[in-house]
């Protein structure tokens, strides 16, 4: 059996990718606080209940790693053919200039954007000797990781850190576990809740807010379904280069 673990599967890119993976006969594992009822119903219709919700608060790295380890222990007997981990959950907040950042929001963002995906990947890679299965880890990143953006010091730096983790983990496993592929994927701008948060920012907190408002007005935002289709096609059809940063613009015009 092929398993796909998707974080942030309640909406946006995560939900779209999860639904498409169900259609590709993956057993979907949704690690979140509340789950996704519509995905559960879709799984009943498409793949005979191939949906599992594991309750966890993704802002807690300890809780998320614990449930991940428990799940990996549970599936050992099933000899999984493949485990695909798409780490999509994240937050763009706090959107604010340094000197005015809220410490609690900083901690939340660092946990959700960086610490938790590192811990989840670590738990999965630790199980390789016992599971003996093909593993693909996709860390969803952002163009904000490549350059400074006014008001995005936390978002950009956490994504930059995740990119370097991806490259380093890939380097460490390229000879030990050639069946493991670890990549970054940058979806660029999509019509999601995160974009709504960005557009509602003040110009003092985020200098480019008007530019992002224009993206929406001019219809320049891709749909999550379009991006998810490119991502799913990439991971199931291409010979992935471990450690590489893939960008949606390489697949969609």
C-alpha atoms as a PDB file:
ATOM      1  CA  UNK A   1       0.000   0.000   0.000  1.00  0.00           C
ATOM      2  CA  UNK A   2       1.093   3.551  -0.718  1.00  0.00           C
ATOM      3  CA  UNK A   3       0.585   6.130   2.032  1.00  0.00           C
ATOM      4  CA  UNK A   4       0.474   9.914   1.696  1.00  0.00           C
ATOM      5  CA  UNK A   5       0.754  12.063   4.798  1.00  0.00           C
ATOM      6  CA  UNK A   6      -0.363  15.632   4.117  1.00  0.00           C
ATOM      7  CA  UNK A   7      -0.200  18.394   6.707  1.00  0.00           C
ATOM      8  CA  UNK A   8      -2.443  21.408   6.260  1.00  0.00           C
ATOM      9  CA  UNK A   9      -4.984  19.246   4.402  1.00  0.00           C
ATOM     10  CA  UNK A  10      -8.024  21.184   5.578  1.00  0.00           C
ATOM     11  CA  UNK A  11      -7.918  23.777   2.799  1.00  0.00           C
ATOM     12  CA  UNK A  12      -5.859  25.332   0.020  1.00  0.00           C
ATOM     13  CA  UNK A  13      -2.963  23.450  -1.532  1.00  0.00           C
ATOM     14  CA  UNK A  14      -3.011  20.722   1.129  1.00  0.00           C
ATOM     15  CA  UNK A  15      -6.667  19.860   0.537  1.00  0.00           C
ATOM     16  CA  UNK A  16      -6.263  19.935  -3.242  1.00  0.00           C
ATOM     17  CA  UNK A  17      -3.165  17.720  -3.180  1.00  0.00           C
ATOM     18  CA  UNK A  18      -4.798  15.308  -0.746  1.00  0.00           C
ATOM     19  CA  UNK A  19      -7.848  14.855  -2.948  1.00  0.00           C
ATOM     20  CA  UNK A  20      -5.720  14.230  -6.018  1.00  0.00           C
ATOM     21  CA  UNK A  21      -3.585  11.700  -4.146  1.00  0.00           C
ATOM     22  CA  UNK A  22      -6.733   9.793  -3.204  1.00  0.00           C
ATOM     23  CA  UNK A  23      -7.478   9.545  -6.912  1.00  0.00           C
ATOM     24  CA  UNK A  24      -3.978   8.087  -7.394  1.00  0.00           C
ATOM     25  CA  UNK A  25      -4.788   5.287  -4.915  1.00  0.00           C
ATOM     26  CA  UNK A  26      -2.801   6.577  -1.972  1.00  0.00           C
ATOM     27  CA  UNK A  27      -4.099   5.952   1.519  1.00  0.00           C
ATOM     28  CA  UNK A  28      -4.346   9.469   2.879  1.00  0.00           C
ATOM     29  CA  UNK A  29      -3.171  10.286   6.403  1.00  0.00           C
ATOM     30  CA  UNK A  30      -4.323  13.673   7.689  1.00  0.00           C
ATOM     31  CA  UNK A  31      -2.428  14.863  10.775  1.00  0.00           C
ATOM     32  CA  UNK A  32      -4.308  17.859  12.169  1.00  0.00           C
ATOM     33  CA  UNK A  33      -6.497  19.037  15.025  1.00  0.00           C
ATOM     34  CA  UNK A  34      -9.863  18.601  13.345  1.00  0.00           C
ATOM     35  CA  UNK A  35      -9.444  16.555  10.170  1.00  0.00           C
ATOM     36  CA  UNK A  36     -11.225  17.142   6.877  1.00  0.00           C
ATOM     37  CA  UNK A  37     -14.742  15.753   6.668  1.00  0.00           C
ATOM     38  CA  UNK A  38     -15.024  16.320   2.925  1.00  0.00           C
ATOM     39  CA  UNK A  39     -11.840  14.306   2.280  1.00  0.00           C
ATOM     40  CA  UNK A  40     -13.209  11.498   4.423  1.00  0.00           C
ATOM     41  CA  UNK A  41     -16.391  11.409   2.358  1.00  0.00           C
ATOM     42  CA  UNK A  42     -14.413  11.584  -0.868  1.00  0.00           C
ATOM     43  CA  UNK A  43     -12.302   8.631   0.292  1.00  0.00           C
ATOM     44  CA  UNK A  44     -15.446   6.592   0.903  1.00  0.00           C
ATOM     45  CA  UNK A  45     -16.597   7.287  -2.643  1.00  0.00           C
ATOM     46  CA  UNK A  46     -13.243   6.794  -4.365  1.00  0.00           C
ATOM     47  CA  UNK A  47     -11.028   4.401  -2.467  1.00  0.00           C
ATOM     48  CA  UNK A  48     -13.055   2.483   0.084  1.00  0.00           C
ATOM     49  CA  UNK A  49     -12.274   4.439   3.242  1.00  0.00           C
ATOM     50  CA  UNK A  50      -8.622   5.179   2.401  1.00  0.00           C
ATOM     51  CA  UNK A  51      -8.508   8.148   4.756  1.00  0.00           C
ATOM     52  CA  UNK A  52      -7.128   8.288   8.295  1.00  0.00           C
ATOM     53  CA  UNK A  53      -7.271  11.318  10.562  1.00  0.00           C
ATOM     54  CA  UNK A  54      -4.697  11.508  13.348  1.00  0.00           C
ATOM     55  CA  UNK A  55      -5.474  14.226  15.851  1.00  0.00           C
ATOM     56  CA  UNK A  56      -2.512  16.460  16.670  1.00  0.00           C
ATOM     57  CA  UNK A  57      -1.650  20.118  17.105  1.00  0.00           C
ATOM     58  CA  UNK A  58       0.945  20.816  14.411  1.00  0.00           C
ATOM     59  CA  UNK A  59       2.261  23.802  16.335  1.00  0.00           C
ATOM     60  CA  UNK A  60       3.553  21.303  18.916  1.00  0.00           C
ATOM     61  CA  UNK A  61       6.599  19.529  17.529  1.00  0.00           C
ATOM     62  CA  UNK A  62       6.622  17.054  20.436  1.00  0.00           C
ATOM     63  CA  UNK A  63       2.973  16.066  19.944  1.00  0.00           C
ATOM     64  CA  UNK A  64       3.320  15.785  16.177  1.00  0.00           C
ATOM     65  CA  UNK A  65       6.482  13.692  16.347  1.00  0.00           C
ATOM     66  CA  UNK A  66       4.877  11.419  18.957  1.00  0.00           C
ATOM     67  CA  UNK A  67       1.815  10.622  16.835  1.00  0.00           C
ATOM     68  CA  UNK A  68       4.054  10.216  13.786  1.00  0.00           C
ATOM     69  CA  UNK A  69       6.187   7.639  15.574  1.00  0.00           C
ATOM     70  CA  UNK A  70       3.094   5.774  16.803  1.00  0.00           C
ATOM     71  CA  UNK A  71       1.650   5.648  13.286  1.00  0.00           C
ATOM     72  CA  UNK A  72       4.927   4.411  11.801  1.00  0.00           C
ATOM     73  CA  UNK A  73       5.037   1.631  14.410  1.00  0.00           C
ATOM     74  CA  UNK A  74       1.452   0.642  13.555  1.00  0.00           C
ATOM     75  CA  UNK A  75       2.053   0.287   9.804  1.00  0.00           C
ATOM     76  CA  UNK A  76       5.240  -1.781   9.976  1.00  0.00           C
ATOM     77  CA  UNK A  77       3.316  -5.047   9.581  1.00  0.00           C
ATOM     78  CA  UNK A  78       1.638  -3.814   6.395  1.00  0.00           C
ATOM     79  CA  UNK A  79       5.001  -3.512   4.580  1.00  0.00           C
ATOM     80  CA  UNK A  80       4.141  -0.190   2.890  1.00  0.00           C
ATOM     81  CA  UNK A  81       5.277   0.186  -0.701  1.00  0.00           C
ATOM     82  CA  UNK A  82       5.775   3.946  -0.357  1.00  0.00           C
ATOM     83  CA  UNK A  83       5.385   6.746   2.169  1.00  0.00           C
ATOM     84  CA  UNK A  84       4.934  10.228   0.750  1.00  0.00           C
ATOM     85  CA  UNK A  85       5.119  13.086   3.253  1.00  0.00           C
ATOM     86  CA  UNK A  86       3.926  16.492   2.029  1.00  0.00           C
ATOM     87  CA  UNK A  87       4.684  19.138   4.656  1.00  0.00           C
ATOM     88  CA  UNK A  88       2.324  21.911   3.645  1.00  0.00           C
ATOM     89  CA  UNK A  89       1.105  23.387   6.940  1.00  0.00           C
ATOM     90  CA  UNK A  90       2.513  26.842   7.595  1.00  0.00           C
ATOM     91  CA  UNK A  91       1.774  30.441   8.425  1.00  0.00           C
ATOM     92  CA  UNK A  92       2.812  33.763   6.902  1.00  0.00           C
ATOM     93  CA  UNK A  93       2.178  35.574  10.166  1.00  0.00           C
ATOM     94  CA  UNK A  94       3.453  37.570  11.940  1.00  0.00           C
ATOM     95  CA  UNK A  95       3.490  40.163   9.147  1.00  0.00           C
ATOM     96  CA  UNK A  96       5.237  43.063  10.832  1.00  0.00           C
ATOM     97  CA  UNK A  97       8.507  44.964  10.878  1.00  0.00           C
ATOM     98  CA  UNK A  98      11.194  43.964  13.335  1.00  0.00           C
ATOM     99  CA  UNK A  99      10.865  45.874  16.562  1.00  0.00           C
ATOM    100  CA  UNK A 100       7.098  45.375  16.518  1.00  0.00           C
ATOM    101  CA  UNK A 101       6.963  41.578  16.325  1.00  0.00           C
ATOM    102  CA  UNK A 102       4.917  39.633  18.867  1.00  0.00           C
ATOM    103  CA  UNK A 103       7.047  36.975  20.605  1.00  0.00           C
ATOM    104  CA  UNK A 104       4.211  34.435  20.832  1.00  0.00           C
ATOM    105  CA  UNK A 105       3.536  34.727  17.099  1.00  0.00           C
ATOM    106  CA  UNK A 106       7.258  34.344  16.412  1.00  0.00           C
ATOM    107  CA  UNK A 107       7.380  31.117  18.421  1.00  0.00           C
ATOM    108  CA  UNK A 108       4.237  29.768  16.736  1.00  0.00           C
ATOM    109  CA  UNK A 109       5.588  30.472  13.242  1.00  0.00           C
ATOM    110  CA  UNK A 110       9.002  28.965  13.952  1.00  0.00           C
ATOM    111  CA  UNK A 111       7.354  25.830  15.344  1.00  0.00           C
ATOM    112  CA  UNK A 112       4.845  25.396  12.517  1.00  0.00           C
ATOM    113  CA  UNK A 113       7.049  26.461   9.597  1.00  0.00           C
ATOM    114  CA  UNK A 114      10.321  24.859  10.641  1.00  0.00           C
ATOM    115  CA  UNK A 115      10.568  22.817  13.844  1.00  0.00           C
ATOM    116  CA  UNK A 116       7.554  20.562  13.259  1.00  0.00           C
ATOM    117  CA  UNK A 117       8.424  19.607   9.651  1.00  0.00           C
ATOM    118  CA  UNK A 118      11.987  18.853  10.733  1.00  0.00           C
ATOM    119  CA  UNK A 119      10.725  16.632  13.556  1.00  0.00           C
ATOM    120  CA  UNK A 120       8.275  14.823  11.273  1.00  0.00           C
ATOM    121  CA  UNK A 121      10.954  14.182   8.661  1.00  0.00           C
ATOM    122  CA  UNK A 122      13.318  13.032  11.396  1.00  0.00           C
ATOM    123  CA  UNK A 123      10.771  10.527  12.723  1.00  0.00           C
ATOM    124  CA  UNK A 124      10.146   9.137   9.240  1.00  0.00           C
ATOM    125  CA  UNK A 125      13.832   8.831   8.378  1.00  0.00           C
ATOM    126  CA  UNK A 126      14.533   7.157  11.737  1.00  0.00           C
ATOM    127  CA  UNK A 127      12.159   4.346  10.772  1.00  0.00           C
ATOM    128  CA  UNK A 128      13.863   3.484   7.472  1.00  0.00           C
ATOM    129  CA  UNK A 129      15.813   0.454   8.673  1.00  0.00           C
ATOM    130  CA  UNK A 130      12.669  -1.234   9.978  1.00  0.00           C
ATOM    131  CA  UNK A 131      10.244  -0.176   7.244  1.00  0.00           C
ATOM    132  CA  UNK A 132      12.408  -0.785   4.147  1.00  0.00           C
ATOM    133  CA  UNK A 133      10.181   1.325   1.898  1.00  0.00           C
ATOM    134  CA  UNK A 134      10.417   4.079  -0.675  1.00  0.00           C
ATOM    135  CA  UNK A 135      10.179   7.496   0.990  1.00  0.00           C
ATOM    136  CA  UNK A 136       9.462  10.884  -0.565  1.00  0.00           C
ATOM    137  CA  UNK A 137       9.462  14.023   1.577  1.00  0.00           C
ATOM    138  CA  UNK A 138       8.178  17.262   0.061  1.00  0.00           C
ATOM    139  CA  UNK A 139       8.742  20.434   2.047  1.00  0.00           C
ATOM    140  CA  UNK A 140       6.546  23.268   0.800  1.00  0.00           C
ATOM    141  CA  UNK A 141       8.626  26.413   0.664  1.00  0.00           C
ATOM    142  CA  UNK A 142       8.301  29.942  -0.723  1.00  0.00           C
ATOM    143  CA  UNK A 143      10.105  32.451  -2.895  1.00  0.00           C
ATOM    144  CA  UNK A 144      10.251  34.533   0.297  1.00  0.00           C
ATOM    145  CA  UNK A 145      13.122  32.283   1.372  1.00  0.00           C
ATOM    146  CA  UNK A 146      15.350  33.652  -1.389  1.00  0.00           C
ATOM    147  CA  UNK A 147      15.346  37.368  -0.617  1.00  0.00           C
ATOM    148  CA  UNK A 148      14.342  39.844   2.100  1.00  0.00           C
ATOM    149  CA  UNK A 149      10.770  41.115   2.039  1.00  0.00           C
ATOM    150  CA  UNK A 150       9.649  44.031   4.183  1.00  0.00           C
ATOM    151  CA  UNK A 151       7.435  42.645   6.964  1.00  0.00           C
ATOM    152  CA  UNK A 152       8.238  38.978   6.290  1.00  0.00           C
ATOM    153  CA  UNK A 153      11.373  38.477   8.377  1.00  0.00           C
ATOM    154  CA  UNK A 154       9.936  35.460  10.205  1.00  0.00           C
ATOM    155  CA  UNK A 155       8.174  33.807   7.268  1.00  0.00           C
ATOM    156  CA  UNK A 156      11.139  34.206   4.935  1.00  0.00           C
ATOM    157  CA  UNK A 157      13.743  33.082   7.443  1.00  0.00           C
ATOM    158  CA  UNK A 158      11.796  29.976   8.528  1.00  0.00           C
ATOM    159  CA  UNK A 159      11.341  28.923   4.906  1.00  0.00           C
ATOM    160  CA  UNK A 160      15.032  29.567   4.211  1.00  0.00           C
ATOM    161  CA  UNK A 161      15.925  27.374   7.175  1.00  0.00           C
ATOM    162  CA  UNK A 162      13.614  24.627   5.897  1.00  0.00           C
ATOM    163  CA  UNK A 163      15.272  24.806   2.467  1.00  0.00           C
ATOM    164  CA  UNK A 164      18.713  24.289   3.966  1.00  0.00           C
ATOM    165  CA  UNK A 165      17.420  21.423   6.085  1.00  0.00           C
ATOM    166  CA  UNK A 166      16.039  19.806   2.919  1.00  0.00           C
ATOM    167  CA  UNK A 167      19.392  20.069   1.128  1.00  0.00           C
ATOM    168  CA  UNK A 168      21.332  18.793   4.136  1.00  0.00           C
ATOM    169  CA  UNK A 169      19.048  15.826   4.828  1.00  0.00           C
ATOM    170  CA  UNK A 170      19.195  14.860   1.156  1.00  0.00           C
ATOM    171  CA  UNK A 171      23.005  15.012   1.246  1.00  0.00           C
ATOM    172  CA  UNK A 172      23.146  12.842   4.353  1.00  0.00           C
ATOM    173  CA  UNK A 173      20.957  10.105   2.860  1.00  0.00           C
ATOM    174  CA  UNK A 174      22.025  10.083  -0.781  1.00  0.00           C
ATOM    175  CA  UNK A 175      24.402   7.140  -0.284  1.00  0.00           C
ATOM    176  CA  UNK A 176      22.918   5.507   2.802  1.00  0.00           C
ATOM    177  CA  UNK A 177      19.341   5.424   1.508  1.00  0.00           C
ATOM    178  CA  UNK A 178      19.130   6.068  -2.252  1.00  0.00           C
ATOM    179  CA  UNK A 179      15.433   5.119  -2.138  1.00  0.00           C
ATOM    180  CA  UNK A 180      14.796   8.317  -0.135  1.00  0.00           C
ATOM    181  CA  UNK A 181      13.985  11.534  -1.983  1.00  0.00           C
ATOM    182  CA  UNK A 182      13.731  14.833  -0.106  1.00  0.00           C
ATOM    183  CA  UNK A 183      12.790  17.954  -2.069  1.00  0.00           C
ATOM    184  CA  UNK A 184      11.520  21.490  -1.645  1.00  0.00           C
ATOM    185  CA  UNK A 185       8.574  22.735  -3.703  1.00  0.00           C
ATOM    186  CA  UNK A 186       7.724  26.414  -4.166  1.00  0.00           C
ATOM    187  CA  UNK A 187       4.073  26.950  -5.188  1.00  0.00           C
ATOM    188  CA  UNK A 188       4.337  30.722  -5.707  1.00  0.00           C
ATOM    189  CA  UNK A 189       1.180  32.812  -5.277  1.00  0.00           C
ATOM    190  CA  UNK A 190      -2.159  31.004  -5.075  1.00  0.00           C
ATOM    191  CA  UNK A 191      -5.714  32.056  -4.331  1.00  0.00           C
ATOM    192  CA  UNK A 192      -5.764  30.809  -0.727  1.00  0.00           C
ATOM    193  CA  UNK A 193      -6.540  31.983   2.799  1.00  0.00           C
ATOM    194  CA  UNK A 194      -2.873  32.930   3.202  1.00  0.00           C
ATOM    195  CA  UNK A 195      -3.233  35.425   0.367  1.00  0.00           C
ATOM    196  CA  UNK A 196      -6.246  36.948   2.119  1.00  0.00           C
ATOM    197  CA  UNK A 197      -4.121  37.444   5.229  1.00  0.00           C
ATOM    198  CA  UNK A 198      -1.405  39.106   3.155  1.00  0.00           C
ATOM    199  CA  UNK A 199      -3.846  41.434   1.369  1.00  0.00           C
ATOM    200  CA  UNK A 200      -5.366  42.542   4.673  1.00  0.00           C
ATOM    201  CA  UNK A 201      -1.998  43.702   6.028  1.00  0.00           C
ATOM    202  CA  UNK A 202      -1.217  47.374   6.484  1.00  0.00           C
ATOM    203  CA  UNK A 203       1.364  49.036   4.261  1.00  0.00           C
ATOM    204  CA  UNK A 204       3.366  49.926   7.369  1.00  0.00           C
ATOM    205  CA  UNK A 205       3.652  46.257   8.288  1.00  0.00           C
ATOM    206  CA  UNK A 206       4.084  44.982   4.711  1.00  0.00           C
ATOM    207  CA  UNK A 207       5.338  47.436   2.125  1.00  0.00           C
ATOM    208  CA  UNK A 208       4.216  45.346  -0.890  1.00  0.00           C
ATOM    209  CA  UNK A 209       0.589  44.908   0.181  1.00  0.00           C
ATOM    210  CA  UNK A 210      -0.801  46.887  -2.788  1.00  0.00           C
ATOM    211  CA  UNK A 211       1.120  44.690  -5.195  1.00  0.00           C
ATOM    212  CA  UNK A 212      -0.520  41.586  -3.750  1.00  0.00           C
ATOM    213  CA  UNK A 213      -3.925  43.233  -3.835  1.00  0.00           C
ATOM    214  CA  UNK A 214      -3.382  43.851  -7.548  1.00  0.00           C
ATOM    215  CA  UNK A 215      -2.533  40.174  -8.109  1.00  0.00           C
ATOM    216  CA  UNK A 216      -6.041  39.317  -6.936  1.00  0.00           C
ATOM    217  CA  UNK A 217      -7.756  42.096  -8.905  1.00  0.00           C
ATOM    218  CA  UNK A 218      -5.938  41.157 -12.099  1.00  0.00           C
ATOM    219  CA  UNK A 219      -6.619  37.429 -11.739  1.00  0.00           C
ATOM    220  CA  UNK A 220      -2.944  36.515 -11.460  1.00  0.00           C
ATOM    221  CA  UNK A 221      -3.391  33.989  -8.669  1.00  0.00           C
ATOM    222  CA  UNK A 222      -3.294  30.313  -9.611  1.00  0.00           C
ATOM    223  CA  UNK A 223      -5.836  27.980  -8.048  1.00  0.00           C
ATOM    224  CA  UNK A 224      -4.667  25.447  -5.449  1.00  0.00           C
ATOM    225  CA  UNK A 225      -5.972  22.711  -7.748  1.00  0.00           C
ATOM    226  CA  UNK A 226      -3.665  23.819 -10.584  1.00  0.00           C
ATOM    227  CA  UNK A 227      -0.612  23.838  -8.326  1.00  0.00           C
ATOM    228  CA  UNK A 228      -1.567  20.567  -6.642  1.00  0.00           C
ATOM    229  CA  UNK A 229      -1.904  18.866 -10.018  1.00  0.00           C
ATOM    230  CA  UNK A 230       1.655  19.866 -10.953  1.00  0.00           C
ATOM    231  CA  UNK A 231       2.982  18.769  -7.566  1.00  0.00           C
ATOM    232  CA  UNK A 232       1.268  15.381  -7.605  1.00  0.00           C
ATOM    233  CA  UNK A 233       2.399  14.753 -11.185  1.00  0.00           C
ATOM    234  CA  UNK A 234       5.957  15.594 -10.146  1.00  0.00           C
ATOM    235  CA  UNK A 235       6.129  13.193  -7.212  1.00  0.00           C
ATOM    236  CA  UNK A 236       4.428  10.238  -8.880  1.00  0.00           C
ATOM    237  CA  UNK A 237       5.894  10.444 -12.386  1.00  0.00           C
ATOM    238  CA  UNK A 238       9.298  12.100 -12.339  1.00  0.00           C
ATOM    239  CA  UNK A 239      12.693  10.822 -11.277  1.00  0.00           C
ATOM    240  CA  UNK A 240      13.136  13.250  -8.413  1.00  0.00           C
ATOM    241  CA  UNK A 241      16.500  14.817  -7.691  1.00  0.00           C
ATOM    242  CA  UNK A 242      16.901  14.672  -3.949  1.00  0.00           C
ATOM    243  CA  UNK A 243      17.805  17.991  -2.359  1.00  0.00           C
ATOM    244  CA  UNK A 244      16.463  20.034  -5.274  1.00  0.00           C
ATOM    245  CA  UNK A 245      14.185  23.063  -5.012  1.00  0.00           C
ATOM    246  CA  UNK A 246      11.414  22.674  -7.595  1.00  0.00           C
ATOM    247  CA  UNK A 247       9.413  25.757  -8.571  1.00  0.00           C
ATOM    248  CA  UNK A 248       5.875  25.752  -9.909  1.00  0.00           C
ATOM    249  CA  UNK A 249       6.931  28.086 -12.743  1.00  0.00           C
ATOM    250  CA  UNK A 250       8.965  25.191 -14.147  1.00  0.00           C
ATOM    251  CA  UNK A 251       5.704  23.309 -14.741  1.00  0.00           C
ATOM    252  CA  UNK A 252       3.027  25.975 -15.338  1.00  0.00           C
ATOM    253  CA  UNK A 253       3.230  29.097 -17.500  1.00  0.00           C
END
